[in-house]
Protein backbone atom coordinates (compact mmCIF):
# COMPACT_ATOMS: atom_id res chain seq x y z
CA MET A 1 89.11 -9.12 -123.22
CA GLU A 2 90.97 -5.99 -122.22
CA SER A 3 94.45 -5.54 -123.58
CA ALA A 4 97.10 -7.18 -121.44
CA PHE A 5 99.06 -4.91 -119.15
CA VAL A 6 102.69 -4.37 -120.13
CA LEU A 7 105.42 -2.82 -118.04
CA PRO A 8 108.22 -1.52 -120.30
CA VAL A 9 111.78 -1.97 -119.15
CA VAL A 10 114.98 -0.28 -120.24
CA PRO A 11 118.51 -1.68 -119.97
CA VAL A 12 120.72 -0.12 -117.30
CA ARG A 13 124.32 -1.17 -117.76
CA GLY A 14 123.42 -4.76 -118.43
CA ARG A 15 120.41 -4.69 -116.07
CA ALA A 16 116.70 -4.07 -116.53
CA ALA A 17 114.63 -1.35 -114.88
CA VAL A 18 110.90 -0.62 -114.82
CA ALA A 19 110.05 2.62 -116.59
CA ALA A 20 109.02 5.47 -114.32
CA GLY A 21 105.31 5.97 -113.84
CA ALA A 22 104.23 2.34 -114.29
CA SER A 23 101.51 1.30 -111.87
CA VAL A 24 100.05 -2.04 -110.86
CA ARG A 25 96.45 -2.67 -109.76
CA ALA A 26 96.07 -4.46 -106.42
CA GLY A 27 95.38 -8.15 -106.97
CA SER A 28 96.31 -7.84 -110.63
CA ALA A 29 98.39 -10.47 -112.36
CA ALA A 30 99.98 -7.77 -114.48
CA ALA A 31 102.78 -6.95 -112.05
CA ILE A 32 105.93 -7.58 -114.04
CA CYS A 33 108.90 -9.61 -112.88
CA MET A 34 111.78 -7.43 -113.86
CA CYS A 35 113.36 -5.36 -111.08
CA ASP A 36 112.89 -4.16 -107.54
CA ALA A 37 111.42 -0.91 -106.29
CA GLY A 38 113.22 2.20 -107.45
CA GLY A 39 114.31 0.57 -110.69
CA SER A 40 117.46 -1.04 -109.32
CA ALA A 41 118.16 -4.64 -110.08
CA PRO A 42 118.78 -7.20 -107.32
CA ARG A 43 122.31 -8.01 -106.33
CA GLY A 44 124.03 -10.60 -108.50
CA ASP A 45 122.67 -9.63 -111.94
CA ALA A 46 125.69 -7.71 -113.15
CA ASP A 47 126.68 -7.94 -116.78
CA ALA A 48 128.05 -11.41 -117.39
CA HIS A 49 131.03 -9.94 -119.23
CA ALA A 50 132.07 -7.70 -116.34
CA VAL A 51 135.16 -8.83 -114.41
CA ALA A 52 134.68 -8.74 -110.64
CA PRO A 53 137.58 -7.56 -108.47
CA VAL A 54 139.51 -10.46 -106.98
CA SER A 55 139.75 -10.52 -103.21
CA ARG A 56 141.41 -12.96 -100.84
CA ARG A 57 137.93 -14.02 -99.63
CA ASN A 58 136.78 -14.74 -103.20
CA VAL A 59 139.89 -16.80 -103.88
CA LEU A 60 139.41 -18.83 -100.69
CA THR A 61 135.67 -19.30 -101.35
CA SER A 62 136.33 -20.45 -104.92
CA ALA A 63 139.03 -22.83 -103.74
CA MET A 64 136.73 -24.35 -101.10
CA TYR A 65 133.96 -24.76 -103.66
CA ALA A 66 136.33 -26.35 -106.17
CA SER A 67 137.42 -28.84 -103.51
CA LEU A 68 133.80 -29.67 -102.71
CA MET A 69 132.92 -30.19 -106.36
CA ALA A 70 135.98 -32.34 -106.87
CA ALA A 71 134.89 -34.52 -103.97
CA ILE A 72 131.41 -35.17 -105.36
CA SER A 73 132.04 -34.96 -109.09
CA LYS A 74 133.69 -37.05 -111.72
CA SER A 75 136.28 -35.43 -113.93
CA GLU A 76 134.44 -33.74 -116.81
CA GLY A 77 135.62 -36.12 -119.48
CA ALA A 78 135.01 -39.31 -117.52
CA GLU A 79 132.58 -41.93 -118.78
CA ALA A 80 129.62 -42.62 -116.49
CA ALA A 81 128.91 -46.21 -115.53
CA ASP A 82 125.23 -46.99 -116.04
CA VAL A 83 123.91 -49.77 -113.81
CA ALA A 84 120.89 -51.80 -114.92
CA VAL A 85 118.22 -51.91 -112.22
CA SER A 86 115.68 -53.82 -114.33
CA LYS A 87 115.18 -54.77 -117.97
CA ASN A 88 113.40 -51.43 -118.43
CA TRP A 89 115.59 -48.96 -116.56
CA GLU A 90 119.22 -48.36 -115.69
CA LYS A 91 120.71 -46.08 -113.07
CA VAL A 92 122.71 -43.16 -114.44
CA ASP A 93 125.86 -41.99 -112.70
CA LEU A 94 125.55 -38.24 -111.94
CA PRO A 95 128.29 -35.75 -111.03
CA SER A 96 126.75 -35.14 -107.57
CA ASP A 97 124.24 -36.62 -105.15
CA ALA A 98 122.01 -33.54 -105.25
CA THR A 99 118.30 -34.20 -105.76
CA VAL A 100 117.29 -33.78 -109.42
CA PHE A 101 114.20 -31.58 -109.79
CA ASP A 102 113.90 -31.27 -113.57
CA LEU A 103 115.54 -32.04 -116.88
CA ASP A 104 114.92 -31.11 -120.50
CA PHE A 105 116.28 -31.98 -123.92
CA VAL A 106 116.51 -29.85 -127.03
CA LYS A 107 113.88 -31.27 -129.39
CA GLY A 108 115.37 -33.70 -131.90
CA SER A 109 118.75 -33.57 -130.17
CA ASN A 110 120.80 -35.54 -127.66
CA ARG A 111 121.74 -32.36 -125.81
CA GLY A 112 120.03 -32.09 -122.43
CA TRP A 113 120.19 -30.23 -119.15
CA LEU A 114 119.23 -31.15 -115.60
CA VAL A 115 118.91 -29.01 -112.49
CA GLY A 116 118.48 -29.73 -108.81
CA SER A 117 119.22 -28.91 -105.19
CA ARG A 118 122.40 -27.29 -103.85
CA GLY A 119 122.73 -25.19 -107.00
CA SER A 120 123.37 -28.23 -109.19
CA ILE A 121 123.20 -28.08 -112.99
CA ALA A 122 124.56 -30.60 -115.47
CA GLU A 123 124.67 -31.06 -119.24
CA SER A 124 124.50 -34.15 -121.44
CA SER A 125 125.47 -34.46 -125.11
CA ASP A 126 124.67 -38.15 -125.56
CA GLY A 127 120.97 -38.39 -124.78
CA GLY A 128 121.37 -38.60 -121.02
CA LYS A 129 123.82 -41.50 -120.78
CA THR A 130 126.47 -39.27 -119.21
CA TRP A 131 126.26 -35.89 -117.48
CA GLN A 132 128.88 -33.22 -116.83
CA ALA A 133 128.62 -30.65 -114.04
CA ARG A 134 128.21 -27.03 -115.11
CA SER A 135 127.94 -23.72 -113.23
CA PHE A 136 126.52 -20.22 -113.67
CA GLN A 137 129.43 -17.83 -114.11
CA ASN A 138 127.51 -14.81 -112.81
CA LEU A 139 126.70 -16.45 -109.45
CA ASP A 140 129.55 -16.78 -107.01
CA PRO A 141 130.03 -20.35 -105.72
CA GLU A 142 128.90 -19.48 -102.20
CA GLU A 143 125.63 -18.05 -103.57
CA GLU A 144 124.98 -20.74 -106.18
CA ILE A 145 125.11 -23.67 -103.76
CA ASN A 146 122.21 -22.16 -101.75
CA TYR A 147 119.76 -22.32 -104.67
CA ARG A 148 117.29 -25.06 -105.50
CA PHE A 149 117.00 -24.93 -109.28
CA GLN A 150 113.56 -26.37 -109.97
CA LYS A 151 112.75 -25.99 -113.67
CA VAL A 152 114.76 -25.90 -116.89
CA SER A 153 113.50 -25.45 -120.46
CA PHE A 154 115.39 -25.28 -123.76
CA VAL A 155 114.55 -24.61 -127.40
CA GLY A 156 117.56 -24.69 -129.69
CA ASP A 157 120.43 -22.85 -127.99
CA GLU A 158 118.10 -20.79 -125.81
CA GLY A 159 117.36 -21.90 -122.28
CA TRP A 160 115.74 -20.72 -119.05
CA VAL A 161 116.11 -21.84 -115.43
CA ILE A 162 114.05 -20.89 -112.38
CA GLY A 163 114.73 -21.70 -108.74
CA LYS A 164 114.33 -20.86 -105.07
CA PRO A 165 115.00 -18.41 -103.55
CA SER A 166 113.24 -16.83 -106.53
CA ILE A 167 115.66 -16.55 -109.44
CA LEU A 168 115.35 -16.50 -113.24
CA LEU A 169 118.33 -17.26 -115.49
CA HIS A 170 118.56 -17.10 -119.29
CA THR A 171 121.07 -18.27 -121.90
CA ARG A 172 121.17 -17.63 -125.65
CA ASP A 173 124.27 -19.69 -126.42
CA ALA A 174 123.47 -23.20 -125.18
CA GLY A 175 124.68 -22.52 -121.66
CA LYS A 176 128.09 -21.03 -122.45
CA SER A 177 126.97 -17.86 -120.67
CA TRP A 178 123.95 -16.99 -118.55
CA GLU A 179 122.27 -13.72 -117.61
CA ARG A 180 120.19 -13.16 -114.53
CA VAL A 181 116.75 -11.63 -115.17
CA PRO A 182 115.78 -9.56 -112.10
CA LEU A 183 112.51 -10.39 -110.37
CA SER A 184 110.28 -7.67 -108.97
CA PRO A 185 108.93 -7.78 -105.40
CA LYS A 186 105.60 -6.85 -107.04
CA LEU A 187 105.49 -10.19 -108.85
CA PRO A 188 102.36 -12.12 -107.71
CA GLY A 189 103.71 -15.36 -106.28
CA ASP A 190 106.98 -17.10 -107.08
CA PRO A 191 107.99 -18.47 -110.51
CA VAL A 192 106.92 -22.10 -110.65
CA ILE A 193 107.27 -23.11 -114.31
CA ILE A 194 108.89 -21.62 -117.41
CA THR A 195 108.69 -22.81 -121.01
CA ALA A 196 111.08 -21.84 -123.80
CA LEU A 197 109.00 -21.37 -126.94
CA SER A 198 111.33 -19.92 -129.61
CA PRO A 199 114.35 -17.62 -129.77
CA ASN A 200 113.84 -14.78 -127.24
CA THR A 201 110.33 -16.06 -126.47
CA ALA A 202 109.23 -17.82 -123.27
CA GLU A 203 106.21 -18.22 -121.01
CA LEU A 204 106.30 -17.98 -117.21
CA CYS A 205 103.69 -18.97 -114.59
CA THR A 206 103.79 -18.20 -110.86
CA THR A 207 102.35 -19.83 -107.75
CA ALA A 208 99.59 -17.19 -107.80
CA GLY A 209 98.51 -18.18 -111.31
CA ALA A 210 100.00 -15.14 -113.06
CA VAL A 211 101.03 -16.06 -116.63
CA TYR A 212 103.44 -13.89 -118.64
CA THR A 213 105.11 -14.09 -122.04
CA THR A 214 108.24 -12.39 -123.30
CA THR A 215 109.30 -11.99 -126.92
CA ASN A 216 112.53 -10.07 -126.33
CA GLY A 217 114.57 -12.35 -124.09
CA GLY A 218 113.06 -11.24 -120.80
CA ARG A 219 113.33 -7.45 -121.10
CA ASN A 220 109.53 -7.04 -121.25
CA TRP A 221 106.77 -9.38 -120.08
CA LYS A 222 103.09 -9.31 -121.06
CA ALA A 223 100.35 -10.57 -118.74
CA GLN A 224 98.06 -13.27 -120.17
CA VAL A 225 95.44 -13.34 -117.38
CA LYS A 226 93.59 -10.39 -115.86
CA GLU A 227 94.06 -11.28 -112.20
CA THR A 228 95.54 -13.82 -109.83
CA ILE A 229 93.71 -16.98 -108.85
CA ASP A 230 92.83 -15.86 -105.33
CA ALA A 231 91.43 -12.56 -106.67
CA THR A 232 89.26 -14.48 -109.17
CA LEU A 233 87.94 -16.99 -106.63
CA ASN A 234 87.28 -14.49 -103.89
CA ARG A 235 85.46 -12.19 -106.32
CA THR A 236 83.01 -14.90 -107.33
CA VAL A 237 80.54 -16.82 -105.20
CA SER A 238 82.54 -20.03 -105.04
CA SER A 239 80.92 -21.28 -108.29
CA GLY A 240 79.92 -24.45 -106.44
CA VAL A 241 83.52 -25.57 -106.02
CA SER A 242 84.26 -26.88 -102.53
CA GLY A 243 87.21 -25.07 -101.02
CA ALA A 244 87.30 -22.35 -103.68
CA SER A 245 85.57 -19.63 -101.63
CA TYR A 246 87.94 -17.44 -99.65
CA PHE A 247 90.86 -19.19 -101.28
CA THR A 248 94.23 -18.14 -99.95
CA GLY A 249 97.58 -19.71 -100.48
CA SER A 250 99.07 -20.92 -103.72
CA ILE A 251 98.86 -23.51 -106.43
CA VAL A 252 101.19 -26.47 -106.75
CA SER A 253 102.16 -29.01 -109.40
CA VAL A 254 101.61 -26.55 -112.24
CA LEU A 255 101.81 -28.25 -115.66
CA ARG A 256 101.69 -26.93 -119.23
CA ASP A 257 100.74 -29.16 -122.16
CA VAL A 258 102.09 -28.97 -125.71
CA THR A 259 99.33 -26.54 -126.76
CA GLY A 260 99.92 -24.04 -123.94
CA SER A 261 97.06 -25.09 -121.65
CA TYR A 262 97.73 -25.13 -117.90
CA LEU A 263 96.67 -27.40 -115.06
CA ALA A 264 97.24 -26.65 -111.36
CA ILE A 265 96.25 -28.12 -108.01
CA SER A 266 95.37 -25.97 -105.02
CA SER A 267 98.00 -26.26 -102.31
CA ARG A 268 95.55 -28.14 -100.03
CA GLY A 269 94.55 -30.59 -102.76
CA ASN A 270 90.83 -29.89 -102.45
CA PHE A 271 90.23 -28.65 -106.01
CA TYR A 272 92.12 -27.97 -109.24
CA LEU A 273 92.17 -25.30 -111.91
CA THR A 274 92.71 -25.02 -115.66
CA TRP A 275 93.59 -22.18 -117.99
CA GLU A 276 93.65 -22.13 -121.79
CA LYS A 277 95.02 -19.46 -124.10
CA GLY A 278 92.54 -16.64 -124.67
CA GLN A 279 90.72 -17.10 -121.37
CA ASP A 280 90.60 -14.11 -119.02
CA PHE A 281 90.72 -16.16 -115.83
CA TRP A 282 91.59 -19.58 -114.44
CA ILE A 283 88.58 -21.90 -114.08
CA PRO A 284 88.25 -23.91 -110.83
CA HIS A 285 86.97 -27.51 -110.89
CA ALA A 286 85.65 -29.68 -108.08
CA ARG A 287 87.27 -33.08 -107.59
CA ASP A 288 85.06 -36.14 -108.09
CA SER A 289 86.39 -37.96 -105.02
CA SER A 290 86.17 -37.45 -101.27
CA ARG A 291 89.93 -38.00 -101.15
CA ARG A 292 92.23 -35.06 -101.68
CA ILE A 293 94.21 -34.76 -104.89
CA GLN A 294 97.73 -36.16 -104.79
CA ALA A 295 98.80 -35.38 -108.35
CA MET A 296 97.35 -34.64 -111.79
CA GLY A 297 98.46 -34.38 -115.38
CA PHE A 298 97.58 -34.47 -119.08
CA ILE A 299 97.02 -37.74 -120.90
CA ASP A 300 99.68 -37.94 -123.61
CA ASN A 301 100.71 -34.39 -122.61
CA GLU A 302 97.70 -32.86 -124.38
CA LEU A 303 94.56 -31.47 -122.78
CA SER A 304 92.28 -32.56 -125.63
CA LYS A 305 93.18 -36.20 -124.89
CA GLY A 306 92.03 -35.95 -121.28
CA LEU A 307 93.31 -35.67 -117.72
CA TRP A 308 94.51 -38.12 -115.11
CA MET A 309 94.11 -37.66 -111.36
CA ALA A 310 95.79 -39.47 -108.47
CA THR A 311 94.15 -39.20 -105.04
CA ARG A 312 95.42 -39.92 -101.53
CA GLY A 313 95.67 -43.61 -100.74
CA GLY A 314 96.60 -44.81 -104.22
CA GLY A 315 93.50 -43.87 -106.22
CA LEU A 316 93.85 -43.19 -109.95
CA GLY A 317 91.41 -42.05 -112.61
CA PHE A 318 91.44 -41.05 -116.30
CA THR A 319 88.90 -38.84 -118.07
CA LYS A 320 87.76 -39.46 -121.61
CA PRO A 321 89.10 -37.20 -124.39
CA GLY A 322 87.48 -33.85 -125.09
CA VAL A 323 86.38 -32.98 -121.54
CA ASP A 324 84.39 -29.76 -121.02
CA LEU A 325 86.65 -27.50 -118.99
CA LEU A 326 84.29 -24.53 -119.09
CA THR A 327 82.19 -26.13 -116.37
CA THR A 328 83.06 -25.94 -112.68
CA SER A 329 81.24 -29.21 -112.01
CA ALA A 330 83.24 -32.30 -111.20
CA LEU A 331 84.52 -34.10 -114.28
CA ASP A 332 84.03 -37.85 -114.65
CA PHE A 333 87.20 -39.82 -114.00
CA ASP A 334 87.07 -43.52 -114.85
CA ASP A 335 88.50 -45.59 -112.02
CA ILE A 336 91.84 -47.18 -112.94
CA LYS A 337 92.57 -50.42 -111.11
CA ILE A 338 96.14 -50.31 -109.81
CA LYS A 339 96.82 -52.15 -106.55
CA THR A 340 99.53 -50.08 -104.87
CA GLY A 341 98.71 -51.32 -101.38
CA GLY A 342 97.63 -47.84 -100.32
CA TYR A 343 100.84 -46.14 -101.44
CA ALA A 344 100.27 -42.77 -103.11
CA ILE A 345 100.77 -42.41 -106.85
CA LEU A 346 103.23 -39.54 -107.30
CA ASN A 347 103.31 -39.22 -111.09
CA VAL A 348 101.99 -40.82 -114.27
CA ALA A 349 103.68 -40.63 -117.68
CA PHE A 350 102.53 -41.82 -121.09
CA ARG A 351 105.18 -43.22 -123.41
CA PRO A 352 104.74 -41.49 -126.77
CA ASP A 353 103.38 -43.46 -129.76
CA THR A 354 102.60 -46.52 -127.61
CA GLU A 355 99.94 -47.79 -125.21
CA ASP A 356 102.50 -47.85 -122.40
CA VAL A 357 101.85 -45.94 -119.16
CA TRP A 358 104.26 -45.63 -116.25
CA ALA A 359 103.47 -44.59 -112.67
CA SER A 360 105.84 -43.70 -109.84
CA VAL A 361 104.49 -44.86 -106.49
CA GLY A 362 105.42 -44.07 -102.90
CA GLY A 363 107.95 -46.47 -101.45
CA GLY A 364 110.28 -46.08 -104.44
CA THR A 365 108.48 -48.39 -106.90
CA LEU A 366 107.42 -48.11 -110.53
CA TRP A 367 104.31 -49.64 -112.06
CA PHE A 368 103.61 -49.99 -115.77
CA SER A 369 100.73 -50.79 -118.08
CA LYS A 370 101.00 -51.89 -121.71
CA ASP A 371 97.30 -51.38 -122.48
CA HIS A 372 96.76 -47.70 -121.58
CA GLY A 373 95.97 -48.36 -117.94
CA LYS A 374 93.64 -51.36 -118.14
CA THR A 375 96.07 -53.71 -116.39
CA TRP A 376 99.18 -52.96 -114.34
CA LYS A 377 102.36 -54.69 -113.19
CA ARG A 378 105.03 -53.60 -110.75
CA ASP A 379 108.64 -53.39 -111.87
CA ASP A 380 109.95 -55.20 -108.80
CA LEU A 381 113.65 -54.68 -109.40
CA VAL A 382 113.35 -50.88 -109.54
CA GLY A 383 112.14 -50.89 -105.94
CA LYS A 384 115.60 -51.99 -104.84
CA THR A 385 117.20 -48.65 -105.77
CA GLY A 386 116.45 -47.43 -102.25
CA GLY A 387 115.22 -43.97 -103.22
CA ILE A 388 111.95 -42.10 -103.72
CA LEU A 389 110.98 -41.90 -107.41
CA TYR A 390 108.76 -38.86 -107.80
CA ASP A 391 108.75 -37.85 -111.47
CA ILE A 392 108.78 -39.55 -114.88
CA LYS A 393 109.57 -37.77 -118.15
CA PHE A 394 109.54 -38.99 -121.74
CA PHE A 395 111.11 -37.05 -124.61
CA GLY A 396 110.02 -39.45 -127.32
CA LYS A 397 109.31 -43.15 -127.51
CA ASP A 398 112.81 -44.27 -126.58
CA LYS A 399 114.06 -41.44 -124.36
CA GLY A 400 112.68 -41.52 -120.83
CA PHE A 401 113.90 -40.74 -117.31
CA VAL A 402 112.79 -41.21 -113.72
CA LEU A 403 113.85 -38.53 -111.23
CA GLY A 404 114.55 -39.36 -107.62
CA GLY A 405 116.12 -38.04 -104.44
CA ASN A 406 119.79 -37.97 -103.49
CA GLY A 407 121.16 -37.94 -107.03
CA LEU A 408 119.01 -40.82 -108.28
CA LEU A 409 118.27 -40.80 -112.01
CA LEU A 410 117.02 -43.76 -114.05
CA ARG A 411 117.19 -43.93 -117.85
CA PHE A 412 114.70 -45.89 -119.95
CA THR A 413 116.19 -48.86 -121.83
CA GLY A 414 112.98 -50.26 -123.36
CA ILE A 415 110.34 -52.86 -122.59
């Protein structure tokens, strides 16, 4: 494998700039996500310690934003009132009704962060029972409320957030201050997932399948794949994968397991791809069903334990452990009998150290199995929450959450 392409960057008064003379091959995944053409950083990434001049407009904007936040938020020290929606889950009171897109907890800690629409970000110090609204001090209120923060990842005091329009934020002090890492217009695709690995070290993947790592807090990024997914697929003769030839577009539902392996679904749901550390390219795989893929994931969050696939119309299948991902042929998925009445399965989560499996289903319902998917029951009371439940996350056997629209968050209370 050829050495990964690296674009050096140098600090410019608290910003980052691409060194002169760096070049990027067309179709290459080695374009770095640091700054825009000419070496200047995008607006809004000024040094977090710099004091902006105060204008009448800024004062009025800040006042309007403060009024808005006061209207939709609890006071920071207030206790949230959790409401039981079933014997397994309770509804958590959040500081706003913004849709929650992601949350993460520091491993072995009760400190957690969640992000969502309308520039929302909140912090918990009690394992997710209560949440307090936070903000990014280097984004003005008018700008922040326009962002959809989609992913958050923490390790220790170091955290990363990505959102749309494309933005990358980084903290080294548990969220007390944040810096904005400029994104280059040469970046293949938009950031779709970021994973904090250790102090100053993180891994980023884009909608074009470009994977980068940084070991110096985002100043330099090193490409892990030789080219983007569309360049790989269009260079080969389809490899027998339906829909892979002349692939254009992007990948969706990108997931990373605990070992650093990736899984992604093509935006049309007609095939999926995997990538493992050390591989030069993503490998496409045909689906084993005539129905398009609705969602996929890792069994027990580890590729070696297998994959699950949900298809349109409520289909669900699990592979056996140790699947061969070097083949482009369709993998065998054992049919899982779950009678959703035709409603799509949006997400499946495996409760750690148990045989319990949970599935979020269209129509705002949750289904669960206590025997690793052999038999299923519906949690009828959860369906009365009146919201779409689209994601389930476990951070240990007893710490789980269901994410929903319009500020809906459920916390696991135990079977």
